[in-house]
Amino acid sequence: MKIHHIAIICSDYQVSKKFYTEILGLNIIREVYREERKSYKLDLAIGDHYVIELFSFPDPPKRPSHPEACGLRHLAFSVENISEKRQELMEKGLNCEEIRLDEFTGKEFFFTQDPDQLPLEFYESYAV
């Protein structure tokens, strides 16, 4: 029917919480600390649409990203104005790649990374 949510395990919960809420602007639905697991679980939404579960666990292993490893390649967010979003993120201290053009759709996009180097794509909105 649709993707319900994406789960992300972070290495520094407070840094990632700030990144996803203050820099990317996702809304907090619920935040819980699970003492038995020494783990935070933060449910995040874009508007009212639940999209990300952010987890912390003691000493999670690093996920290799470079060169690209098997598994999740990146998360992509749809935005209305690609240039404005890139400028906004750069003003908040993110290192953003140059805007590129998707040769198949004719839409613009760029990449940046979250605090754990998870690649994030911002893609010009379009109907599929």
N, C-alpha and C. Protein backbone atom coordinates (compact mmCIF):
# COMPACT_ATOMS: atom_id res chain seq x y z
N MET A 1 0.83 -1.20 0.00
CA MET A 1 0.00 0.00 0.00
C MET A 1 0.88 1.27 0.00
N LYS A 2 1.86 1.33 0.92
CA LYS A 2 2.81 2.44 0.98
C LYS A 2 3.87 2.10 2.02
N ILE A 3 4.96 2.82 2.02
CA ILE A 3 5.96 2.63 3.06
C ILE A 3 5.45 3.27 4.34
N HIS A 4 5.50 2.53 5.43
CA HIS A 4 5.00 3.02 6.71
C HIS A 4 6.01 3.94 7.39
N HIS A 5 7.25 3.48 7.53
CA HIS A 5 8.30 4.32 8.11
C HIS A 5 9.66 3.71 7.81
N ILE A 6 10.69 4.47 8.10
CA ILE A 6 12.06 4.04 7.94
C ILE A 6 12.72 4.15 9.31
N ALA A 7 13.46 3.12 9.73
CA ALA A 7 14.13 3.13 11.03
C ALA A 7 15.61 3.44 10.82
N ILE A 8 16.13 4.34 11.66
CA ILE A 8 17.53 4.75 11.59
C ILE A 8 18.14 4.59 12.99
N ILE A 9 19.28 3.93 13.07
CA ILE A 9 20.02 3.84 14.32
C ILE A 9 21.15 4.86 14.26
N CYS A 10 21.23 5.70 15.27
CA CYS A 10 22.24 6.76 15.27
C CYS A 10 23.32 6.49 16.31
N SER A 11 24.46 7.13 16.16
CA SER A 11 25.56 6.94 17.11
C SER A 11 25.49 7.93 18.27
N ASP A 12 24.92 9.11 18.03
CA ASP A 12 24.78 10.13 19.07
C ASP A 12 23.35 10.65 19.02
N TYR A 13 22.54 10.18 19.94
CA TYR A 13 21.10 10.46 19.90
C TYR A 13 20.79 11.95 19.90
N GLN A 14 21.41 12.72 20.80
CA GLN A 14 21.09 14.15 20.89
C GLN A 14 21.49 14.89 19.62
N VAL A 15 22.62 14.55 19.03
CA VAL A 15 23.06 15.18 17.78
C VAL A 15 22.08 14.85 16.65
N SER A 16 21.70 13.58 16.54
CA SER A 16 20.79 13.18 15.46
C SER A 16 19.38 13.73 15.68
N LYS A 17 18.94 13.76 16.92
CA LYS A 17 17.62 14.34 17.22
C LYS A 17 17.59 15.81 16.78
N LYS A 18 18.62 16.56 17.12
CA LYS A 18 18.69 17.97 16.72
C LYS A 18 18.73 18.09 15.20
N PHE A 19 19.51 17.24 14.54
CA PHE A 19 19.63 17.27 13.08
C PHE A 19 18.26 17.08 12.42
N TYR A 20 17.57 16.00 12.79
CA TYR A 20 16.31 15.67 12.12
C TYR A 20 15.18 16.62 12.49
N THR A 21 15.21 17.20 13.69
CA THR A 21 14.12 18.09 14.09
C THR A 21 14.43 19.56 13.80
N GLU A 22 15.60 20.03 14.17
CA GLU A 22 15.92 21.45 14.02
C GLU A 22 16.48 21.80 12.65
N ILE A 23 17.28 20.93 12.06
CA ILE A 23 17.86 21.24 10.76
C ILE A 23 16.93 20.82 9.63
N LEU A 24 16.44 19.56 9.66
CA LEU A 24 15.53 19.12 8.60
C LEU A 24 14.08 19.50 8.86
N GLY A 25 13.73 19.80 10.11
CA GLY A 25 12.39 20.28 10.41
C GLY A 25 11.32 19.22 10.57
N LEU A 26 11.71 17.97 10.84
CA LEU A 26 10.70 16.95 11.09
C LEU A 26 10.06 17.17 12.45
N ASN A 27 8.82 16.76 12.58
CA ASN A 27 8.04 16.95 13.81
C ASN A 27 8.12 15.72 14.69
N ILE A 28 8.23 15.94 15.99
CA ILE A 28 8.26 14.83 16.95
C ILE A 28 6.82 14.39 17.23
N ILE A 29 6.58 13.10 17.01
CA ILE A 29 5.29 12.50 17.35
C ILE A 29 5.36 11.95 18.77
N ARG A 30 6.44 11.21 19.07
CA ARG A 30 6.58 10.55 20.37
C ARG A 30 8.06 10.29 20.60
N GLU A 31 8.46 10.44 21.87
CA GLU A 31 9.83 10.12 22.26
C GLU A 31 9.76 9.28 23.53
N VAL A 32 10.42 8.13 23.51
CA VAL A 32 10.43 7.26 24.69
C VAL A 32 11.85 6.77 24.94
N TYR A 33 12.13 6.55 26.21
CA TYR A 33 13.41 5.92 26.59
C TYR A 33 13.07 4.55 27.15
N ARG A 34 13.69 3.53 26.59
CA ARG A 34 13.45 2.15 27.02
C ARG A 34 14.62 1.70 27.87
N GLU A 35 14.44 1.80 29.18
CA GLU A 35 15.51 1.53 30.15
C GLU A 35 16.13 0.14 29.96
N GLU A 36 15.28 -0.87 29.74
CA GLU A 36 15.79 -2.24 29.61
C GLU A 36 16.73 -2.41 28.42
N ARG A 37 16.61 -1.53 27.42
CA ARG A 37 17.46 -1.62 26.23
C ARG A 37 18.49 -0.49 26.17
N LYS A 38 18.42 0.42 27.14
CA LYS A 38 19.30 1.61 27.14
C LYS A 38 19.18 2.32 25.78
N SER A 39 17.93 2.51 25.35
CA SER A 39 17.65 2.95 23.99
C SER A 39 16.54 3.99 23.93
N TYR A 40 16.81 5.05 23.18
CA TYR A 40 15.76 6.01 22.85
C TYR A 40 15.07 5.56 21.58
N LYS A 41 13.80 5.90 21.46
CA LYS A 41 13.03 5.72 20.22
C LYS A 41 12.26 7.01 20.00
N LEU A 42 12.56 7.65 18.87
CA LEU A 42 11.94 8.93 18.53
C LEU A 42 11.18 8.77 17.23
N ASP A 43 9.85 8.97 17.28
CA ASP A 43 9.02 8.89 16.08
C ASP A 43 8.90 10.29 15.48
N LEU A 44 9.24 10.39 14.19
CA LEU A 44 9.28 11.68 13.50
C LEU A 44 8.33 11.70 12.31
N ALA A 45 7.83 12.90 12.02
CA ALA A 45 6.87 13.05 10.91
C ALA A 45 7.25 14.26 10.05
N ILE A 46 6.84 14.19 8.80
CA ILE A 46 6.83 15.35 7.92
C ILE A 46 5.38 15.79 7.90
N GLY A 47 5.12 16.97 8.47
CA GLY A 47 3.74 17.37 8.69
C GLY A 47 3.12 16.39 9.67
N ASP A 48 2.03 15.74 9.27
CA ASP A 48 1.40 14.73 10.11
C ASP A 48 1.71 13.31 9.64
N HIS A 49 2.57 13.19 8.62
CA HIS A 49 2.86 11.87 8.04
C HIS A 49 4.08 11.25 8.72
N TYR A 50 3.87 10.19 9.48
CA TYR A 50 4.92 9.46 10.19
C TYR A 50 5.90 8.88 9.19
N VAL A 51 7.20 9.19 9.34
CA VAL A 51 8.17 8.72 8.35
C VAL A 51 9.41 8.05 8.92
N ILE A 52 9.90 8.48 10.08
CA ILE A 52 11.18 7.97 10.57
C ILE A 52 11.09 7.59 12.04
N GLU A 53 11.66 6.43 12.36
CA GLU A 53 11.93 6.04 13.75
C GLU A 53 13.43 6.23 13.95
N LEU A 54 13.80 7.08 14.89
CA LEU A 54 15.21 7.30 15.19
C LEU A 54 15.53 6.56 16.49
N PHE A 55 16.49 5.65 16.44
CA PHE A 55 16.86 4.83 17.59
C PHE A 55 18.27 5.15 18.04
N SER A 56 18.50 4.97 19.34
CA SER A 56 19.86 4.93 19.87
C SER A 56 20.03 3.59 20.56
N PHE A 57 21.19 3.01 20.42
CA PHE A 57 21.55 1.78 21.12
C PHE A 57 22.99 1.93 21.59
N PRO A 58 23.36 1.30 22.69
CA PRO A 58 24.75 1.39 23.13
C PRO A 58 25.71 0.78 22.10
N ASP A 59 26.68 1.55 21.67
CA ASP A 59 27.77 1.09 20.78
C ASP A 59 27.31 0.36 19.52
N PRO A 60 26.47 0.97 18.69
CA PRO A 60 26.09 0.28 17.44
C PRO A 60 27.29 0.23 16.49
N PRO A 61 27.41 -0.83 15.70
CA PRO A 61 28.52 -0.90 14.74
C PRO A 61 28.32 0.12 13.63
N LYS A 62 29.41 0.59 13.06
CA LYS A 62 29.34 1.51 11.93
C LYS A 62 28.82 0.76 10.70
N ARG A 63 28.10 1.48 9.85
CA ARG A 63 27.64 0.93 8.58
C ARG A 63 28.55 1.47 7.49
N PRO A 64 29.21 0.60 6.73
CA PRO A 64 30.07 1.12 5.67
C PRO A 64 29.24 1.81 4.59
N SER A 65 29.70 2.96 4.16
CA SER A 65 28.99 3.69 3.11
C SER A 65 29.85 3.93 1.88
N HIS A 66 31.16 4.02 2.09
CA HIS A 66 32.04 4.35 0.96
C HIS A 66 33.12 3.30 0.83
N PRO A 67 33.29 2.59 -0.26
CA PRO A 67 32.39 2.69 -1.40
C PRO A 67 31.01 2.16 -1.02
N GLU A 68 30.05 2.43 -1.86
CA GLU A 68 28.67 2.07 -1.53
C GLU A 68 28.57 0.61 -1.14
N ALA A 69 27.91 0.36 -0.02
CA ALA A 69 27.75 -0.99 0.51
C ALA A 69 26.35 -1.51 0.18
N CYS A 70 26.17 -2.81 0.29
CA CYS A 70 24.83 -3.38 0.12
C CYS A 70 23.92 -2.88 1.22
N GLY A 71 22.66 -2.80 0.93
CA GLY A 71 21.68 -2.32 1.90
C GLY A 71 21.11 -0.98 1.45
N LEU A 72 20.52 -0.29 2.39
CA LEU A 72 19.90 1.00 2.08
C LEU A 72 20.93 1.95 1.49
N ARG A 73 20.64 2.51 0.35
CA ARG A 73 21.59 3.41 -0.32
C ARG A 73 21.46 4.83 0.21
N HIS A 74 20.23 5.34 0.26
CA HIS A 74 20.00 6.69 0.78
C HIS A 74 18.52 6.89 1.04
N LEU A 75 18.20 7.97 1.78
CA LEU A 75 16.83 8.42 1.95
C LEU A 75 16.64 9.62 1.04
N ALA A 76 15.47 9.75 0.44
CA ALA A 76 15.21 10.88 -0.45
C ALA A 76 13.98 11.63 0.04
N PHE A 77 14.12 12.94 0.14
CA PHE A 77 13.04 13.82 0.55
C PHE A 77 12.60 14.65 -0.65
N SER A 78 11.31 14.75 -0.85
CA SER A 78 10.74 15.56 -1.92
C SER A 78 10.61 17.00 -1.43
N VAL A 79 11.08 17.95 -2.25
CA VAL A 79 10.98 19.37 -1.90
C VAL A 79 10.45 20.15 -3.10
N GLU A 80 9.82 21.28 -2.80
CA GLU A 80 9.25 22.09 -3.88
C GLU A 80 10.31 22.90 -4.61
N ASN A 81 11.23 23.51 -3.86
CA ASN A 81 12.24 24.37 -4.50
C ASN A 81 13.63 23.86 -4.11
N ILE A 82 14.29 23.21 -5.03
CA ILE A 82 15.56 22.56 -4.76
C ILE A 82 16.66 23.56 -4.39
N SER A 83 16.71 24.69 -5.08
CA SER A 83 17.74 25.70 -4.79
C SER A 83 17.56 26.30 -3.41
N GLU A 84 16.32 26.62 -3.04
CA GLU A 84 16.05 27.20 -1.72
C GLU A 84 16.38 26.20 -0.62
N LYS A 85 16.04 24.92 -0.80
CA LYS A 85 16.32 23.91 0.22
C LYS A 85 17.82 23.73 0.39
N ARG A 86 18.55 23.70 -0.71
CA ARG A 86 20.01 23.56 -0.62
C ARG A 86 20.62 24.75 0.12
N GLN A 87 20.19 25.94 -0.23
CA GLN A 87 20.70 27.15 0.44
C GLN A 87 20.36 27.12 1.93
N GLU A 88 19.15 26.75 2.27
CA GLU A 88 18.71 26.67 3.67
C GLU A 88 19.58 25.71 4.46
N LEU A 89 19.83 24.53 3.90
CA LEU A 89 20.64 23.53 4.59
C LEU A 89 22.09 23.97 4.72
N MET A 90 22.61 24.62 3.70
CA MET A 90 23.98 25.12 3.77
C MET A 90 24.11 26.22 4.83
N GLU A 91 23.09 27.06 4.96
CA GLU A 91 23.11 28.10 5.99
C GLU A 91 23.05 27.50 7.38
N LYS A 92 22.53 26.27 7.50
CA LYS A 92 22.48 25.57 8.79
C LYS A 92 23.74 24.73 9.01
N GLY A 93 24.72 24.87 8.13
CA GLY A 93 26.02 24.23 8.32
C GLY A 93 26.24 22.91 7.61
N LEU A 94 25.30 22.48 6.78
CA LEU A 94 25.48 21.21 6.08
C LEU A 94 26.33 21.40 4.83
N ASN A 95 27.11 20.40 4.53
CA ASN A 95 27.89 20.37 3.30
C ASN A 95 27.02 19.69 2.25
N CYS A 96 26.53 20.43 1.29
CA CYS A 96 25.64 19.90 0.26
C CYS A 96 26.37 19.81 -1.07
N GLU A 97 26.15 18.72 -1.78
CA GLU A 97 26.71 18.59 -3.12
C GLU A 97 26.04 19.60 -4.05
N GLU A 98 26.64 19.78 -5.20
CA GLU A 98 26.05 20.64 -6.23
C GLU A 98 24.72 20.04 -6.70
N ILE A 99 23.84 20.88 -7.17
CA ILE A 99 22.56 20.42 -7.73
C ILE A 99 22.84 19.74 -9.06
N ARG A 100 22.24 18.57 -9.23
CA ARG A 100 22.37 17.82 -10.48
C ARG A 100 21.01 17.65 -11.13
N LEU A 101 21.01 17.21 -12.38
CA LEU A 101 19.78 17.01 -13.12
C LEU A 101 19.60 15.52 -13.40
N ASP A 102 18.44 14.97 -13.03
CA ASP A 102 18.13 13.57 -13.32
C ASP A 102 17.85 13.46 -14.81
N GLU A 103 18.68 12.72 -15.51
CA GLU A 103 18.57 12.64 -16.97
C GLU A 103 17.29 11.97 -17.44
N PHE A 104 16.64 11.19 -16.56
CA PHE A 104 15.43 10.49 -16.96
C PHE A 104 14.16 11.27 -16.67
N THR A 105 14.14 12.03 -15.56
CA THR A 105 12.93 12.77 -15.20
C THR A 105 13.02 14.25 -15.52
N GLY A 106 14.25 14.75 -15.71
CA GLY A 106 14.42 16.18 -15.94
C GLY A 106 14.30 17.00 -14.65
N LYS A 107 14.29 16.34 -13.49
CA LYS A 107 14.15 17.02 -12.19
C LYS A 107 15.52 17.20 -11.54
N GLU A 108 15.64 18.22 -10.72
CA GLU A 108 16.90 18.51 -10.04
C GLU A 108 16.95 17.83 -8.67
N PHE A 109 18.18 17.55 -8.21
CA PHE A 109 18.39 16.91 -6.92
C PHE A 109 19.80 17.21 -6.43
N PHE A 110 20.01 16.98 -5.12
CA PHE A 110 21.35 17.06 -4.55
C PHE A 110 21.41 16.15 -3.33
N PHE A 111 22.63 15.87 -2.89
CA PHE A 111 22.86 15.03 -1.73
C PHE A 111 23.57 15.78 -0.61
N THR A 112 23.30 15.35 0.61
CA THR A 112 24.04 15.75 1.80
C THR A 112 24.06 14.51 2.69
N GLN A 113 24.48 14.66 3.96
CA GLN A 113 24.54 13.52 4.86
C GLN A 113 24.02 13.89 6.24
N ASP A 114 23.53 12.87 6.95
CA ASP A 114 23.12 13.09 8.34
C ASP A 114 24.38 12.98 9.23
N PRO A 115 24.25 13.14 10.54
CA PRO A 115 25.44 13.11 11.41
C PRO A 115 26.23 11.79 11.38
N ASP A 116 25.60 10.69 10.95
CA ASP A 116 26.30 9.41 10.84
C ASP A 116 26.68 9.07 9.40
N GLN A 117 26.71 10.08 8.55
CA GLN A 117 27.07 9.96 7.13
C GLN A 117 26.08 9.14 6.31
N LEU A 118 24.83 9.02 6.80
CA LEU A 118 23.79 8.40 5.98
C LEU A 118 23.48 9.37 4.85
N PRO A 119 23.61 8.95 3.60
CA PRO A 119 23.33 9.86 2.49
C PRO A 119 21.84 10.25 2.46
N LEU A 120 21.60 11.55 2.29
CA LEU A 120 20.26 12.09 2.17
C LEU A 120 20.15 12.82 0.84
N GLU A 121 19.12 12.49 0.10
CA GLU A 121 18.87 13.15 -1.19
C GLU A 121 17.68 14.08 -1.06
N PHE A 122 17.77 15.22 -1.67
CA PHE A 122 16.65 16.15 -1.77
C PHE A 122 16.33 16.26 -3.24
N TYR A 123 15.07 15.96 -3.57
CA TYR A 123 14.65 15.79 -4.95
C TYR A 123 13.48 16.72 -5.25
N GLU A 124 13.58 17.39 -6.40
CA GLU A 124 12.51 18.28 -6.83
C GLU A 124 11.21 17.50 -6.95
N SER A 125 10.16 18.01 -6.33
CA SER A 125 8.88 17.32 -6.29
C SER A 125 8.29 17.16 -7.69
N TYR A 126 7.70 15.98 -7.89
CA TYR A 126 6.95 15.75 -9.12
C TYR A 126 6.00 14.60 -8.93
N ALA A 127 4.96 14.57 -9.69
CA ALA A 127 3.98 13.48 -9.60
C ALA A 127 4.49 12.30 -10.41
N VAL A 128 4.32 11.10 -9.84
CA VAL A 128 4.73 9.87 -10.55
C VAL A 128 3.54 9.19 -11.15
